[in-house]
C-alpha atoms as a PDB file:
ATOM      1  CA  MET A   1       0.000   0.000   0.000  1.00  0.00           C
ATOM      2  CA  SER A   2       1.470   3.368  -1.019  1.00  0.00           C
ATOM      3  CA  MET A   3       1.352   6.406   1.286  1.00  0.00           C
ATOM      4  CA  SER A   4       1.886   9.116  -1.279  1.00  0.00           C
ATOM      5  CA  GLY A   5      -0.019  12.183  -0.128  1.00  0.00           C
ATOM      6  CA  GLY A   6      -3.042  11.946   2.143  1.00  0.00           C
ATOM      7  CA  TYR A   7      -3.017  10.877   5.758  1.00  0.00           C
ATOM      8  CA  GLN A   8       0.274  10.310   7.594  1.00  0.00           C
ATOM      9  CA  PRO A   9       0.160   8.310  10.845  1.00  0.00           C
ATOM     10  CA  PRO A  10       1.443  10.084  13.966  1.00  0.00           C
ATOM     11  CA  PRO A  11       4.996   9.316  15.093  1.00  0.00           C
ATOM     12  CA  PRO A  12       5.421   6.556  17.670  1.00  0.00           C
ATOM     13  CA  GLY A  13       5.265   7.722  21.259  1.00  0.00           C
ATOM     14  CA  GLY A  14       3.034  10.686  20.514  1.00  0.00           C
ATOM     15  CA  GLY A  15       5.817  13.157  19.745  1.00  0.00           C
ATOM     16  CA  PHE A  16       5.983  16.728  21.052  1.00  0.00           C
ATOM     17  CA  GLN A  17       2.805  18.235  22.410  1.00  0.00           C
ATOM     18  CA  PRO A  18       2.632  22.054  22.311  1.00  0.00           C
ATOM     19  CA  PRO A  19       1.544  23.818  25.518  1.00  0.00           C
ATOM     20  CA  PRO A  20      -2.149  24.640  25.750  1.00  0.00           C
ATOM     21  CA  GLN A  21      -3.136  28.005  24.331  1.00  0.00           C
ATOM     22  CA  GLY A  22      -4.158  30.770  26.696  1.00  0.00           C
ATOM     23  CA  MET A  23      -1.871  29.634  29.510  1.00  0.00           C
ATOM     24  CA  VAL A  24      -1.926  32.269  32.238  1.00  0.00           C
ATOM     25  CA  SER A  25       0.897  33.278  34.513  1.00  0.00           C
ATOM     26  CA  THR A  26       0.759  31.984  38.086  1.00  0.00           C
ATOM     27  CA  THR A  27       2.397  35.177  39.331  1.00  0.00           C
ATOM     28  CA  SER A  28       1.432  38.755  38.720  1.00  0.00           C
ATOM     29  CA  ASN A  29       3.592  41.623  37.575  1.00  0.00           C
ATOM     30  CA  ASN A  30       3.146  42.995  41.086  1.00  0.00           C
ATOM     31  CA  ASP A  31       5.202  40.084  42.442  1.00  0.00           C
ATOM     32  CA  ALA A  32       8.198  41.178  40.361  1.00  0.00           C
ATOM     33  CA  THR A  33       7.802  44.791  41.489  1.00  0.00           C
ATOM     34  CA  ILE A  34       7.473  43.736  45.132  1.00  0.00           C
ATOM     35  CA  ALA A  35      10.644  41.619  44.823  1.00  0.00           C
ATOM     36  CA  LEU A  36      12.606  44.488  43.270  1.00  0.00           C
ATOM     37  CA  VAL A  37      11.451  47.136  45.763  1.00  0.00           C
ATOM     38  CA  ALA A  38      11.973  44.818  48.739  1.00  0.00           C
ATOM     39  CA  GLY A  39      15.454  43.925  47.443  1.00  0.00           C
ATOM     40  CA  ILE A  40      16.417  47.590  47.160  1.00  0.00           C
ATOM     41  CA  LEU A  41      15.013  48.368  50.614  1.00  0.00           C
ATOM     42  CA  SER A  42      16.845  45.396  52.102  1.00  0.00           C
ATOM     43  CA  LEU A  43      20.168  46.783  50.894  1.00  0.00           C
ATOM     44  CA  VAL A  44      19.471  50.409  51.780  1.00  0.00           C
ATOM     45  CA  CYS A  45      17.826  50.345  55.174  1.00  0.00           C
ATOM     46  CA  CYS A  46      15.740  47.358  56.228  1.00  0.00           C
ATOM     47  CA  GLY A  47      18.103  44.360  56.161  1.00  0.00           C
ATOM     48  CA  PHE A  48      16.463  41.063  57.109  1.00  0.00           C
ATOM     49  CA  VAL A  49      12.973  42.584  57.303  1.00  0.00           C
ATOM     50  CA  ALA A  50      12.848  43.340  53.584  1.00  0.00           C
ATOM     51  CA  SER A  51      15.202  40.629  52.341  1.00  0.00           C
ATOM     52  CA  ILE A  52      12.829  37.786  53.188  1.00  0.00           C
ATOM     53  CA  PRO A  53       9.954  39.088  50.991  1.00  0.00           C
ATOM     54  CA  ALA A  54      12.479  39.920  48.246  1.00  0.00           C
ATOM     55  CA  ILE A  55      13.702  36.328  48.240  1.00  0.00           C
ATOM     56  CA  ILE A  56      10.219  34.807  48.410  1.00  0.00           C
ATOM     57  CA  TYR A  57       8.625  36.966  45.691  1.00  0.00           C
ATOM     58  CA  GLY A  58      11.757  36.908  43.538  1.00  0.00           C
ATOM     59  CA  ASN A  59      11.908  33.120  43.662  1.00  0.00           C
ATOM     60  CA  ARG A  60       8.228  32.905  42.754  1.00  0.00           C
ATOM     61  CA  VAL A  61       8.757  35.123  39.692  1.00  0.00           C
ATOM     62  CA  ARG A  62      11.975  33.334  38.643  1.00  0.00           C
ATOM     63  CA  HIS A  63      10.151  29.988  38.479  1.00  0.00           C
ATOM     64  CA  ASP A  64       7.297  31.314  36.328  1.00  0.00           C
ATOM     65  CA  PRO A  65       8.465  31.193  32.696  1.00  0.00           C
ATOM     66  CA  SER A  66       5.401  33.078  31.448  1.00  0.00           C
ATOM     67  CA  ASN A  67       6.039  36.168  33.599  1.00  0.00           C
ATOM     68  CA  PRO A  68       7.406  38.962  31.383  1.00  0.00           C
ATOM     69  CA  GLN A  69       9.230  40.670  34.274  1.00  0.00           C
ATOM     70  CA  GLN A  70      11.578  37.880  35.292  1.00  0.00           C
ATOM     71  CA  GLY A  71      14.502  40.308  35.315  1.00  0.00           C
ATOM     72  CA  PHE A  72      12.917  42.328  38.128  1.00  0.00           C
ATOM     73  CA  GLY A  73      12.195  39.166  40.100  1.00  0.00           C
ATOM     74  CA  THR A  74      15.742  37.892  39.645  1.00  0.00           C
ATOM     75  CA  ALA A  75      17.206  41.255  40.662  1.00  0.00           C
ATOM     76  CA  GLY A  76      15.088  41.331  43.824  1.00  0.00           C
ATOM     77  CA  PHE A  77      16.019  37.722  44.607  1.00  0.00           C
ATOM     78  CA  ILE A  78      19.749  38.444  44.258  1.00  0.00           C
ATOM     79  CA  MET A  79      19.584  41.674  46.269  1.00  0.00           C
ATOM     80  CA  GLY A  80      17.685  39.839  49.006  1.00  0.00           C
ATOM     81  CA  TRP A  81      20.427  37.199  49.310  1.00  0.00           C
ATOM     82  CA  ILE A  82      23.153  39.863  49.235  1.00  0.00           C
ATOM     83  CA  SER A  83      21.380  41.644  52.077  1.00  0.00           C
ATOM     84  CA  VAL A  84      21.157  38.406  54.068  1.00  0.00           C
ATOM     85  CA  ALA A  85      24.890  37.814  53.576  1.00  0.00           C
ATOM     86  CA  LEU A  86      25.803  41.374  54.570  1.00  0.00           C
ATOM     87  CA  SER A  87      23.535  41.186  57.622  1.00  0.00           C
ATOM     88  CA  LEU A  88      25.153  37.939  58.736  1.00  0.00           C
ATOM     89  CA  VAL A  89      28.627  39.432  58.305  1.00  0.00           C
ATOM     90  CA  GLY A  90      27.519  42.438  60.354  1.00  0.00           C
ATOM     91  CA  ILE A  91      26.178  40.208  63.120  1.00  0.00           C
ATOM     92  CA  VAL A  92      29.421  38.178  63.221  1.00  0.00           C
ATOM     93  CA  VAL A  93      31.506  41.374  63.433  1.00  0.00           C
ATOM     94  CA  TRP A  94      29.228  42.737  66.170  1.00  0.00           C
ATOM     95  CA  VAL A  95      29.565  39.512  68.200  1.00  0.00           C
ATOM     96  CA  ILE A  96      33.363  39.533  67.791  1.00  0.00           C
ATOM     97  CA  VAL A  97      33.520  43.138  69.006  1.00  0.00           C
ATOM     98  CA  LEU A  98      31.337  42.323  72.022  1.00  0.00           C
ATOM     99  CA  VAL A  99      33.366  39.229  72.946  1.00  0.00           C
ATOM    100  CA  SER A 100      36.688  41.021  72.582  1.00  0.00           C
ATOM    101  CA  GLY A 101      35.686  43.740  75.027  1.00  0.00           C
ATOM    102  CA  GLY A 102      34.126  46.263  72.745  1.00  0.00           C
ATOM    103  CA  PHE A 103      35.649  49.501  71.643  1.00  0.00           C
ATOM    104  CA  SER A 104      37.604  50.385  74.757  1.00  0.00           C
ATOM    105  CA  VAL A 105      40.007  53.287  74.827  1.00  0.00           C
ATOM    106  CA  SER A 106      42.914  52.788  77.163  1.00  0.00           C
ATOM    107  CA  THR A 107      44.357  55.847  78.884  1.00  0.00           C
ATOM    108  CA  TYR A 108      47.686  55.902  80.611  1.00  0.00           C
END
């Protein structure tokens, strides 16, 4: 039987299935903005308080491929982790200063 023209059977195993049309994002553009603003605030003045939301919202945006503002989410995520690292370094330095006797000035 010749298969010139006409119907072609599907490839074995089903082949590639395209994603369904009209797929909506699981995150909003507000999540990316929240991550970016919280990341900036965590570096400027708020430390741990703002770094946690920056990391959470940034991670949510980074894992949503249909969100058009992934750059903002990634930036907030990175700034949040930088703030956590800087805060931990600050705490370690503070503890070392306290254990070593603080900033004492010796007078003779």
